[in-house]
Amino acid sequence: MALRIRQLREEKKWTQEVLASKAGISRSQLAMIEKETRPANTLRLSAIAAALGVTTEDLFETDERERRLVRILRSLSGADADALLRVAEAMSTKPDAEPGAR
């Protein structure tokens, strides 16, 4: 998680001071969260996510494909989301014809 916060901060070309100010926390608190020397509580994570313009979940997801899948799943109606999950589950249990084919 800490690396994702830092990655998002650096993508915006923000210093720790800038993000900390926008999130309403101290720079030292942010530094400890990024270094994983201090756990971040829910309020701090929510403030950091809001300052970065992302969801709290985005702080935990590092793979772009995973983030895209989650966004798609969230955008679907209940029945469509259920159908997508069934397809994904079927694909995950399907044996590959050749190793590394997917």
PDB file of N, CA and C in Angstrom:
ATOM      1  N   MET A   1       0.813  -1.180   0.000  1.00  0.00           N
ATOM      2  CA  MET A   1       0.000   0.000   0.000  1.00  0.00           C
ATOM      3  C   MET A   1       0.864   1.255   0.000  1.00  0.00           C
ATOM      4  N   ALA A   2       1.886   1.274   0.786  1.00  0.00           N
ATOM      5  CA  ALA A   2       2.695   2.483   0.884  1.00  0.00           C
ATOM      6  C   ALA A   2       3.315   2.855  -0.458  1.00  0.00           C
ATOM      7  N   LEU A   3       3.757   1.861  -1.191  1.00  0.00           N
ATOM      8  CA  LEU A   3       4.347   2.160  -2.488  1.00  0.00           C
ATOM      9  C   LEU A   3       3.315   2.747  -3.436  1.00  0.00           C
ATOM     10  N   ARG A   4       2.077   2.323  -3.350  1.00  0.00           N
ATOM     11  CA  ARG A   4       1.018   2.850  -4.206  1.00  0.00           C
ATOM     12  C   ARG A   4       0.749   4.315  -3.866  1.00  0.00           C
ATOM     13  N   ILE A   5       0.731   4.671  -2.606  1.00  0.00           N
ATOM     14  CA  ILE A   5       0.529   6.069  -2.216  1.00  0.00           C
ATOM     15  C   ILE A   5       1.653   6.913  -2.791  1.00  0.00           C
ATOM     16  N   ARG A   6       2.863   6.443  -2.609  1.00  0.00           N
ATOM     17  CA  ARG A   6       4.011   7.186  -3.135  1.00  0.00           C
ATOM     18  C   ARG A   6       3.939   7.295  -4.661  1.00  0.00           C
ATOM     19  N   GLN A   7       3.575   6.189  -5.318  1.00  0.00           N
ATOM     20  CA  GLN A   7       3.477   6.186  -6.779  1.00  0.00           C
ATOM     21  C   GLN A   7       2.449   7.215  -7.249  1.00  0.00           C
ATOM     22  N   LEU A   8       1.281   7.213  -6.635  1.00  0.00           N
ATOM     23  CA  LEU A   8       0.238   8.167  -7.017  1.00  0.00           C
ATOM     24  C   LEU A   8       0.680   9.603  -6.750  1.00  0.00           C
ATOM     25  N   ARG A   9       1.349   9.819  -5.638  1.00  0.00           N
ATOM     26  CA  ARG A   9       1.849  11.158  -5.298  1.00  0.00           C
ATOM     27  C   ARG A   9       2.870  11.623  -6.321  1.00  0.00           C
ATOM     28  N   GLU A  10       3.792  10.736  -6.668  1.00  0.00           N
ATOM     29  CA  GLU A  10       4.846  11.102  -7.615  1.00  0.00           C
ATOM     30  C   GLU A  10       4.300  11.303  -9.028  1.00  0.00           C
ATOM     31  N   GLU A  11       3.236  10.572  -9.396  1.00  0.00           N
ATOM     32  CA  GLU A  11       2.609  10.786 -10.701  1.00  0.00           C
ATOM     33  C   GLU A  11       2.074  12.208 -10.825  1.00  0.00           C
ATOM     34  N   LYS A  12       1.642  12.770  -9.704  1.00  0.00           N
ATOM     35  CA  LYS A  12       1.139  14.143  -9.691  1.00  0.00           C
ATOM     36  C   LYS A  12       2.274  15.155  -9.504  1.00  0.00           C
ATOM     37  N   LYS A  13       3.496  14.634  -9.339  1.00  0.00           N
ATOM     38  CA  LYS A  13       4.672  15.459  -9.097  1.00  0.00           C
ATOM     39  C   LYS A  13       4.514  16.307  -7.825  1.00  0.00           C
ATOM     40  N   TRP A  14       3.894  15.684  -6.828  1.00  0.00           N
ATOM     41  CA  TRP A  14       3.703  16.328  -5.537  1.00  0.00           C
ATOM     42  C   TRP A  14       4.780  15.872  -4.571  1.00  0.00           C
ATOM     43  N   THR A  15       5.192  16.774  -3.721  1.00  0.00           N
ATOM     44  CA  THR A  15       6.074  16.419  -2.613  1.00  0.00           C
ATOM     45  C   THR A  15       5.216  15.837  -1.497  1.00  0.00           C
ATOM     46  N   GLN A  16       5.874  15.263  -0.511  1.00  0.00           N
ATOM     47  CA  GLN A  16       5.134  14.793   0.654  1.00  0.00           C
ATOM     48  C   GLN A  16       4.431  15.956   1.341  1.00  0.00           C
ATOM     49  N   GLU A  17       5.065  17.106   1.348  1.00  0.00           N
ATOM     50  CA  GLU A  17       4.460  18.276   1.980  1.00  0.00           C
ATOM     51  C   GLU A  17       3.138  18.654   1.318  1.00  0.00           C
ATOM     52  N   VAL A  18       3.113  18.610  -0.024  1.00  0.00           N
ATOM     53  CA  VAL A  18       1.898  18.973  -0.752  1.00  0.00           C
ATOM     54  C   VAL A  18       0.774  17.993  -0.437  1.00  0.00           C
ATOM     55  N   LEU A  19       1.048  16.689  -0.562  1.00  0.00           N
ATOM     56  CA  LEU A  19       0.009  15.693  -0.295  1.00  0.00           C
ATOM     57  C   LEU A  19      -0.452  15.765   1.157  1.00  0.00           C
ATOM     58  N   ALA A  20       0.475  15.878   2.073  1.00  0.00           N
ATOM     59  CA  ALA A  20       0.114  15.949   3.490  1.00  0.00           C
ATOM     60  C   ALA A  20      -0.799  17.144   3.751  1.00  0.00           C
ATOM     61  N   SER A  21      -0.473  18.277   3.170  1.00  0.00           N
ATOM     62  CA  SER A  21      -1.293  19.471   3.341  1.00  0.00           C
ATOM     63  C   SER A  21      -2.699  19.256   2.783  1.00  0.00           C
ATOM     64  N   LYS A  22      -2.789  18.690   1.587  1.00  0.00           N
ATOM     65  CA  LYS A  22      -4.090  18.442   0.963  1.00  0.00           C
ATOM     66  C   LYS A  22      -4.904  17.415   1.751  1.00  0.00           C
ATOM     67  N   ALA A  23      -4.226  16.459   2.385  1.00  0.00           N
ATOM     68  CA  ALA A  23      -4.901  15.414   3.148  1.00  0.00           C
ATOM     69  C   ALA A  23      -5.175  15.835   4.594  1.00  0.00           C
ATOM     70  N   GLY A  24      -4.600  16.953   5.017  1.00  0.00           N
ATOM     71  CA  GLY A  24      -4.818  17.413   6.377  1.00  0.00           C
ATOM     72  C   GLY A  24      -4.070  16.620   7.428  1.00  0.00           C
ATOM     73  N   ILE A  25      -2.919  16.084   7.033  1.00  0.00           N
ATOM     74  CA  ILE A  25      -2.070  15.363   7.987  1.00  0.00           C
ATOM     75  C   ILE A  25      -0.677  15.979   7.935  1.00  0.00           C
ATOM     76  N   SER A  26       0.165  15.599   8.879  1.00  0.00           N
ATOM     77  CA  SER A  26       1.518  16.149   8.879  1.00  0.00           C
ATOM     78  C   SER A  26       2.393  15.404   7.870  1.00  0.00           C
ATOM     79  N   ARG A  27       3.439  16.075   7.418  1.00  0.00           N
ATOM     80  CA  ARG A  27       4.363  15.446   6.486  1.00  0.00           C
ATOM     81  C   ARG A  27       5.019  14.246   7.129  1.00  0.00           C
ATOM     82  N   SER A  28       5.330  14.332   8.419  1.00  0.00           N
ATOM     83  CA  SER A  28       5.981  13.206   9.096  1.00  0.00           C
ATOM     84  C   SER A  28       5.048  11.998   9.180  1.00  0.00           C
ATOM     85  N   GLN A  29       3.740  12.237   9.371  1.00  0.00           N
ATOM     86  CA  GLN A  29       2.788  11.126   9.368  1.00  0.00           C
ATOM     87  C   GLN A  29       2.768  10.454   7.992  1.00  0.00           C
ATOM     88  N   LEU A  30       2.716  11.277   6.934  1.00  0.00           N
ATOM     89  CA  LEU A  30       2.709  10.726   5.585  1.00  0.00           C
ATOM     90  C   LEU A  30       3.989   9.945   5.308  1.00  0.00           C
ATOM     91  N   ALA A  31       5.113  10.489   5.715  1.00  0.00           N
ATOM     92  CA  ALA A  31       6.395   9.799   5.500  1.00  0.00           C
ATOM     93  C   ALA A  31       6.395   8.435   6.186  1.00  0.00           C
ATOM     94  N   MET A  32       5.869   8.372   7.408  1.00  0.00           N
ATOM     95  CA  MET A  32       5.820   7.094   8.124  1.00  0.00           C
ATOM     96  C   MET A  32       4.864   6.117   7.447  1.00  0.00           C
ATOM     97  N   ILE A  33       3.759   6.627   6.902  1.00  0.00           N
ATOM     98  CA  ILE A  33       2.817   5.762   6.189  1.00  0.00           C
ATOM     99  C   ILE A  33       3.474   5.229   4.920  1.00  0.00           C
ATOM    100  N   GLU A  34       4.145   6.102   4.179  1.00  0.00           N
ATOM    101  CA  GLU A  34       4.807   5.663   2.948  1.00  0.00           C
ATOM    102  C   GLU A  34       5.927   4.661   3.222  1.00  0.00           C
ATOM    103  N   LYS A  35       6.606   4.816   4.347  1.00  0.00           N
ATOM    104  CA  LYS A  35       7.689   3.886   4.698  1.00  0.00           C
ATOM    105  C   LYS A  35       7.180   2.655   5.437  1.00  0.00           C
ATOM    106  N   GLU A  36       5.880   2.641   5.717  1.00  0.00           N
ATOM    107  CA  GLU A  36       5.240   1.559   6.464  1.00  0.00           C
ATOM    108  C   GLU A  36       5.814   1.382   7.862  1.00  0.00           C
ATOM    109  N   THR A  37       6.256   2.486   8.465  1.00  0.00           N
ATOM    110  CA  THR A  37       6.715   2.428   9.851  1.00  0.00           C
ATOM    111  C   THR A  37       5.598   2.800  10.809  1.00  0.00           C
ATOM    112  N   ARG A  38       4.495   3.311  10.254  1.00  0.00           N
ATOM    113  CA  ARG A  38       3.314   3.640  11.061  1.00  0.00           C
ATOM    114  C   ARG A  38       2.075   3.228  10.278  1.00  0.00           C
ATOM    115  N   PRO A  39       1.194   2.451  10.897  1.00  0.00           N
ATOM    116  CA  PRO A  39      -0.025   2.063  10.180  1.00  0.00           C
ATOM    117  C   PRO A  39      -0.935   3.274   9.995  1.00  0.00           C
ATOM    118  N   ALA A  40      -1.639   3.284   8.898  1.00  0.00           N
ATOM    119  CA  ALA A  40      -2.570   4.368   8.622  1.00  0.00           C
ATOM    120  C   ALA A  40      -3.975   3.923   9.009  1.00  0.00           C
ATOM    121  N   ASN A  41      -4.667   4.770   9.767  1.00  0.00           N
ATOM    122  CA  ASN A  41      -6.045   4.427  10.112  1.00  0.00           C
ATOM    123  C   ASN A  41      -6.971   4.787   8.954  1.00  0.00           C
ATOM    124  N   THR A  42      -8.206   4.393   9.076  1.00  0.00           N
ATOM    125  CA  THR A  42      -9.182   4.584   8.004  1.00  0.00           C
ATOM    126  C   THR A  42      -9.364   6.061   7.665  1.00  0.00           C
ATOM    127  N   LEU A  43      -9.393   6.909   8.657  1.00  0.00           N
ATOM    128  CA  LEU A  43      -9.572   8.340   8.398  1.00  0.00           C
ATOM    129  C   LEU A  43      -8.410   8.917   7.600  1.00  0.00           C
ATOM    130  N   ARG A  44      -7.191   8.539   7.953  1.00  0.00           N
ATOM    131  CA  ARG A  44      -6.025   9.031   7.213  1.00  0.00           C
ATOM    132  C   ARG A  44      -6.015   8.497   5.780  1.00  0.00           C
ATOM    133  N   LEU A  45      -6.324   7.209   5.623  1.00  0.00           N
ATOM    134  CA  LEU A  45      -6.362   6.634   4.275  1.00  0.00           C
ATOM    135  C   LEU A  45      -7.426   7.317   3.421  1.00  0.00           C
ATOM    136  N   SER A  46      -8.580   7.585   4.001  1.00  0.00           N
ATOM    137  CA  SER A  46      -9.642   8.271   3.265  1.00  0.00           C
ATOM    138  C   SER A  46      -9.204   9.666   2.867  1.00  0.00           C
ATOM    139  N   ALA A  47      -8.529  10.366   3.766  1.00  0.00           N
ATOM    140  CA  ALA A  47      -8.060  11.721   3.480  1.00  0.00           C
ATOM    141  C   ALA A  47      -6.992  11.711   2.388  1.00  0.00           C
ATOM    142  N   ILE A  48      -6.089  10.746   2.436  1.00  0.00           N
ATOM    143  CA  ILE A  48      -5.037  10.637   1.423  1.00  0.00           C
ATOM    144  C   ILE A  48      -5.655  10.316   0.068  1.00  0.00           C
ATOM    145  N   ALA A  49      -6.588   9.369   0.048  1.00  0.00           N
ATOM    146  CA  ALA A  49      -7.246   8.993  -1.204  1.00  0.00           C
ATOM    147  C   ALA A  49      -7.995  10.186  -1.799  1.00  0.00           C
ATOM    148  N   ALA A  50      -8.738  10.901  -0.969  1.00  0.00           N
ATOM    149  CA  ALA A  50      -9.487  12.070  -1.451  1.00  0.00           C
ATOM    150  C   ALA A  50      -8.545  13.125  -2.006  1.00  0.00           C
ATOM    151  N   ALA A  51      -7.447  13.353  -1.318  1.00  0.00           N
ATOM    152  CA  ALA A  51      -6.472  14.349  -1.788  1.00  0.00           C
ATOM    153  C   ALA A  51      -5.887  13.943  -3.138  1.00  0.00           C
ATOM    154  N   LEU A  52      -5.687  12.648  -3.334  1.00  0.00           N
ATOM    155  CA  LEU A  52      -5.130  12.148  -4.593  1.00  0.00           C
ATOM    156  C   LEU A  52      -6.187  12.000  -5.688  1.00  0.00           C
ATOM    157  N   GLY A  53      -7.464  12.109  -5.301  1.00  0.00           N
ATOM    158  CA  GLY A  53      -8.539  11.965  -6.276  1.00  0.00           C
ATOM    159  C   GLY A  53      -8.802  10.532  -6.692  1.00  0.00           C
ATOM    160  N   VAL A  54      -8.576   9.606  -5.771  1.00  0.00           N
ATOM    161  CA  VAL A  54      -8.802   8.182  -6.033  1.00  0.00           C
ATOM    162  C   VAL A  54      -9.662   7.613  -4.920  1.00  0.00           C
ATOM    163  N   THR A  55     -10.095   6.367  -5.096  1.00  0.00           N
ATOM    164  CA  THR A  55     -10.830   5.698  -4.025  1.00  0.00           C
ATOM    165  C   THR A  55      -9.828   5.104  -3.034  1.00  0.00           C
ATOM    166  N   THR A  56     -10.320   4.819  -1.861  1.00  0.00           N
ATOM    167  CA  THR A  56      -9.455   4.176  -0.865  1.00  0.00           C
ATOM    168  C   THR A  56      -8.940   2.842  -1.384  1.00  0.00           C
ATOM    169  N   GLU A  57      -9.803   2.121  -2.114  1.00  0.00           N
ATOM    170  CA  GLU A  57      -9.398   0.832  -2.676  1.00  0.00           C
ATOM    171  C   GLU A  57      -8.223   0.986  -3.638  1.00  0.00           C
ATOM    172  N   ASP A  58      -8.181   2.111  -4.358  1.00  0.00           N
ATOM    173  CA  ASP A  58      -7.080   2.337  -5.299  1.00  0.00           C
ATOM    174  C   ASP A  58      -5.722   2.381  -4.605  1.00  0.00           C
ATOM    175  N   LEU A  59      -5.715   2.683  -3.321  1.00  0.00           N
ATOM    176  CA  LEU A  59      -4.458   2.716  -2.580  1.00  0.00           C
ATOM    177  C   LEU A  59      -3.897   1.312  -2.370  1.00  0.00           C
ATOM    178  N   PHE A  60      -4.749   0.304  -2.494  1.00  0.00           N
ATOM    179  CA  PHE A  60      -4.338  -1.069  -2.247  1.00  0.00           C
ATOM    180  C   PHE A  60      -4.093  -1.855  -3.527  1.00  0.00           C
ATOM    181  N   GLU A  61      -4.512  -1.330  -4.653  1.00  0.00           N
ATOM    182  CA  GLU A  61      -4.412  -2.058  -5.918  1.00  0.00           C
ATOM    183  C   GLU A  61      -3.259  -1.503  -6.730  1.00  0.00           C
ATOM    184  N   THR A  62      -2.331  -2.367  -7.087  1.00  0.00           N
ATOM    185  CA  THR A  62      -1.158  -1.894  -7.821  1.00  0.00           C
ATOM    186  C   THR A  62      -1.162  -2.294  -9.292  1.00  0.00           C
ATOM    187  N   ASP A  63      -1.986  -3.236  -9.666  1.00  0.00           N
ATOM    188  CA  ASP A  63      -1.996  -3.731 -11.030  1.00  0.00           C
ATOM    189  C   ASP A  63      -3.073  -3.001 -11.839  1.00  0.00           C
ATOM    190  N   GLU A  64      -2.698  -2.389 -12.949  1.00  0.00           N
ATOM    191  CA  GLU A  64      -3.639  -1.614 -13.757  1.00  0.00           C
ATOM    192  C   GLU A  64      -4.797  -2.474 -14.269  1.00  0.00           C
ATOM    193  N   ARG A  65      -4.511  -3.698 -14.695  1.00  0.00           N
ATOM    194  CA  ARG A  65      -5.593  -4.569 -15.179  1.00  0.00           C
ATOM    195  C   ARG A  65      -6.601  -4.844 -14.074  1.00  0.00           C
ATOM    196  N   GLU A  66      -6.112  -5.067 -12.886  1.00  0.00           N
ATOM    197  CA  GLU A  66      -7.002  -5.314 -11.747  1.00  0.00           C
ATOM    198  C   GLU A  66      -7.879  -4.088 -11.482  1.00  0.00           C
ATOM    199  N   ARG A  67      -7.305  -2.906 -11.509  1.00  0.00           N
ATOM    200  CA  ARG A  67      -8.080  -1.681 -11.293  1.00  0.00           C
ATOM    201  C   ARG A  67      -9.142  -1.519 -12.378  1.00  0.00           C
ATOM    202  N   ARG A  68      -8.791  -1.814 -13.634  1.00  0.00           N
ATOM    203  CA  ARG A  68      -9.757  -1.705 -14.726  1.00  0.00           C
ATOM    204  C   ARG A  68     -10.903  -2.683 -14.538  1.00  0.00           C
ATOM    205  N   LEU A  69     -10.584  -3.918 -14.166  1.00  0.00           N
ATOM    206  CA  LEU A  69     -11.633  -4.914 -13.933  1.00  0.00           C
ATOM    207  C   LEU A  69     -12.571  -4.498 -12.806  1.00  0.00           C
ATOM    208  N   VAL A  70     -12.017  -3.974 -11.747  1.00  0.00           N
ATOM    209  CA  VAL A  70     -12.848  -3.534 -10.628  1.00  0.00           C
ATOM    210  C   VAL A  70     -13.753  -2.386 -11.064  1.00  0.00           C
ATOM    211  N   ARG A  71     -13.236  -1.422 -11.821  1.00  0.00           N
ATOM    212  CA  ARG A  71     -14.065  -0.306 -12.296  1.00  0.00           C
ATOM    213  C   ARG A  71     -15.190  -0.813 -13.191  1.00  0.00           C
ATOM    214  N   ILE A  72     -14.878  -1.751 -14.082  1.00  0.00           N
ATOM    215  CA  ILE A  72     -15.911  -2.306 -14.961  1.00  0.00           C
ATOM    216  C   ILE A  72     -16.972  -3.028 -14.139  1.00  0.00           C
ATOM    217  N   LEU A  73     -16.542  -3.860 -13.213  1.00  0.00           N
ATOM    218  CA  LEU A  73     -17.479  -4.616 -12.385  1.00  0.00           C
ATOM    219  C   LEU A  73     -18.398  -3.676 -11.617  1.00  0.00           C
ATOM    220  N   ARG A  74     -17.853  -2.609 -11.062  1.00  0.00           N
ATOM    221  CA  ARG A  74     -18.657  -1.644 -10.298  1.00  0.00           C
ATOM    222  C   ARG A  74     -19.646  -0.894 -11.178  1.00  0.00           C
ATOM    223  N   SER A  75     -19.347  -0.754 -12.452  1.00  0.00           N
ATOM    224  CA  SER A  75     -20.229   0.009 -13.341  1.00  0.00           C
ATOM    225  C   SER A  75     -21.418  -0.810 -13.838  1.00  0.00           C
ATOM    226  N   LEU A  76     -21.395  -2.119 -13.638  1.00  0.00           N
ATOM    227  CA  LEU A  76     -22.441  -2.989 -14.167  1.00  0.00           C
ATOM    228  C   LEU A  76     -23.617  -3.116 -13.210  1.00  0.00           C
ATOM    229  N   SER A  77     -24.799  -3.404 -13.794  1.00  0.00           N
ATOM    230  CA  SER A  77     -25.977  -3.693 -12.972  1.00  0.00           C
ATOM    231  C   SER A  77     -25.770  -5.025 -12.261  1.00  0.00           C
ATOM    232  N   GLY A  78     -26.630  -5.325 -11.321  1.00  0.00           N
ATOM    233  CA  GLY A  78     -26.507  -6.564 -10.555  1.00  0.00           C
ATOM    234  C   GLY A  78     -26.462  -7.809 -11.417  1.00  0.00           C
ATOM    235  N   ALA A  79     -27.388  -7.934 -12.366  1.00  0.00           N
ATOM    236  CA  ALA A  79     -27.442  -9.122 -13.220  1.00  0.00           C
ATOM    237  C   ALA A  79     -26.218  -9.206 -14.124  1.00  0.00           C
ATOM    238  N   ASP A  80     -25.807  -8.069 -14.676  1.00  0.00           N
ATOM    239  CA  ASP A  80     -24.626  -8.069 -15.547  1.00  0.00           C
ATOM    240  C   ASP A  80     -23.359  -8.377 -14.753  1.00  0.00           C
ATOM    241  N   ALA A  81     -23.269  -7.837 -13.554  1.00  0.00           N
ATOM    242  CA  ALA A  81     -22.110  -8.121 -12.707  1.00  0.00           C
ATOM    243  C   ALA A  81     -22.058  -9.606 -12.367  1.00  0.00           C
ATOM    244  N   ASP A  82     -23.202 -10.186 -12.056  1.00  0.00           N
ATOM    245  CA  ASP A  82     -23.251 -11.625 -11.765  1.00  0.00           C
ATOM    246  C   ASP A  82     -22.813 -12.444 -12.976  1.00  0.00           C
ATOM    247  N   ALA A  83     -23.263 -12.040 -14.171  1.00  0.00           N
ATOM    248  CA  ALA A  83     -22.885 -12.754 -15.396  1.00  0.00           C
ATOM    249  C   ALA A  83     -21.382 -12.660 -15.628  1.00  0.00           C
ATOM    250  N   LEU A  84     -20.820 -11.471 -15.433  1.00  0.00           N
ATOM    251  CA  LEU A  84     -19.374 -11.301 -15.608  1.00  0.00           C
ATOM    252  C   LEU A  84     -18.602 -12.167 -14.613  1.00  0.00           C
ATOM    253  N   LEU A  85     -19.060 -12.214 -13.396  1.00  0.00           N
ATOM    254  CA  LEU A  85     -18.399 -13.057 -12.391  1.00  0.00           C
ATOM    255  C   LEU A  85     -18.455 -14.533 -12.772  1.00  0.00           C
ATOM    256  N   ARG A  86     -19.598 -14.973 -13.299  1.00  0.00           N
ATOM    257  CA  ARG A  86     -19.695 -16.375 -13.719  1.00  0.00           C
ATOM    258  C   ARG A  86     -18.718 -16.675 -14.853  1.00  0.00           C
ATOM    259  N   VAL A  87     -18.610 -15.766 -15.803  1.00  0.00           N
ATOM    260  CA  VAL A  87     -17.663 -15.954 -16.913  1.00  0.00           C
ATOM    261  C   VAL A  87     -16.234 -15.998 -16.371  1.00  0.00           C
ATOM    262  N   ALA A  88     -15.896 -15.061 -15.497  1.00  0.00           N
ATOM    263  CA  ALA A  88     -14.539 -15.017 -14.936  1.00  0.00           C
ATOM    264  C   ALA A  88     -14.231 -16.288 -14.147  1.00  0.00           C
ATOM    265  N   GLU A  89     -15.196 -16.749 -13.365  1.00  0.00           N
ATOM    266  CA  GLU A  89     -14.990 -17.980 -12.597  1.00  0.00           C
ATOM    267  C   GLU A  89     -14.804 -19.178 -13.519  1.00  0.00           C
ATOM    268  N   ALA A  90     -15.588 -19.238 -14.591  1.00  0.00           N
ATOM    269  CA  ALA A  90     -15.445 -20.341 -15.546  1.00  0.00           C
ATOM    270  C   ALA A  90     -14.082 -20.294 -16.218  1.00  0.00           C
ATOM    271  N   MET A  91     -13.628 -19.105 -16.562  1.00  0.00           N
ATOM    272  CA  MET A  91     -12.317 -18.968 -17.210  1.00  0.00           C
ATOM    273  C   MET A  91     -11.189 -19.334 -16.266  1.00  0.00           C
ATOM    274  N   SER A  92     -11.351 -19.026 -14.990  1.00  0.00           N
ATOM    275  CA  SER A  92     -10.269 -19.303 -14.040  1.00  0.00           C
ATOM    276  C   SER A  92     -10.123 -20.784 -13.729  1.00  0.00           C
ATOM    277  N   THR A  93     -11.157 -21.562 -13.974  1.00  0.00           N
ATOM    278  CA  THR A  93     -11.072 -23.004 -13.719  1.00  0.00           C
ATOM    279  C   THR A  93     -10.832 -23.806 -14.989  1.00  0.00           C
ATOM    280  N   LYS A  94     -10.860 -23.145 -16.139  1.00  0.00           N
ATOM    281  CA  LYS A  94     -10.651 -23.808 -17.425  1.00  0.00           C
ATOM    282  C   LYS A  94      -9.174 -24.147 -17.591  1.00  0.00           C
ATOM    283  N   PRO A  95      -8.841 -25.425 -17.851  1.00  0.00           N
ATOM    284  CA  PRO A  95      -7.425 -25.766 -18.051  1.00  0.00           C
ATOM    285  C   PRO A  95      -6.917 -25.180 -19.378  1.00  0.00           C
ATOM    286  N   ASP A  96      -5.705 -24.672 -19.354  1.00  0.00           N
ATOM    287  CA  ASP A  96      -5.081 -24.137 -20.565  1.00  0.00           C
ATOM    288  C   ASP A  96      -4.717 -25.259 -21.505  1.00  0.00           C
ATOM    289  N   ALA A  97      -4.916 -25.009 -22.798  1.00  0.00           N
ATOM    290  CA  ALA A  97      -4.477 -25.970 -23.814  1.00  0.00           C
ATOM    291  C   ALA A  97      -2.955 -26.022 -23.839  1.00  0.00           C
ATOM    292  N   GLU A  98      -2.336 -24.863 -23.699  1.00  0.00           N
ATOM    293  CA  GLU A  98      -0.873 -24.777 -23.659  1.00  0.00           C
ATOM    294  C   GLU A  98      -0.490 -23.892 -22.484  1.00  0.00           C
ATOM    295  N   PRO A  99       0.587 -24.250 -21.788  1.00  0.00           N
ATOM    296  CA  PRO A  99       1.020 -23.388 -20.692  1.00  0.00           C
ATOM    297  C   PRO A  99       1.332 -21.990 -21.224  1.00  0.00           C
ATOM    298  N   GLY A 100       0.853 -20.976 -20.495  1.00  0.00           N
ATOM    299  CA  GLY A 100       1.107 -19.588 -20.880  1.00  0.00           C
ATOM    300  C   GLY A 100       0.283 -19.124 -22.054  1.00  0.00           C
ATOM    301  N   ALA A 101      -0.761 -19.866 -22.430  1.00  0.00           N
ATOM    302  CA  ALA A 101      -1.575 -19.498 -23.583  1.00  0.00           C
ATOM    303  C   ALA A 101      -2.393 -18.252 -23.339  1.00  0.00           C
ATOM    304  N   ARG A 102      -2.720 -17.925 -22.081  1.00  0.00           N
ATOM    305  CA  ARG A 102      -3.520 -16.737 -21.810  1.00  0.00           C
ATOM    306  C   ARG A 102      -2.668 -15.557 -21.525  1.00  0.00           C
TER     307      ARG A 102
END
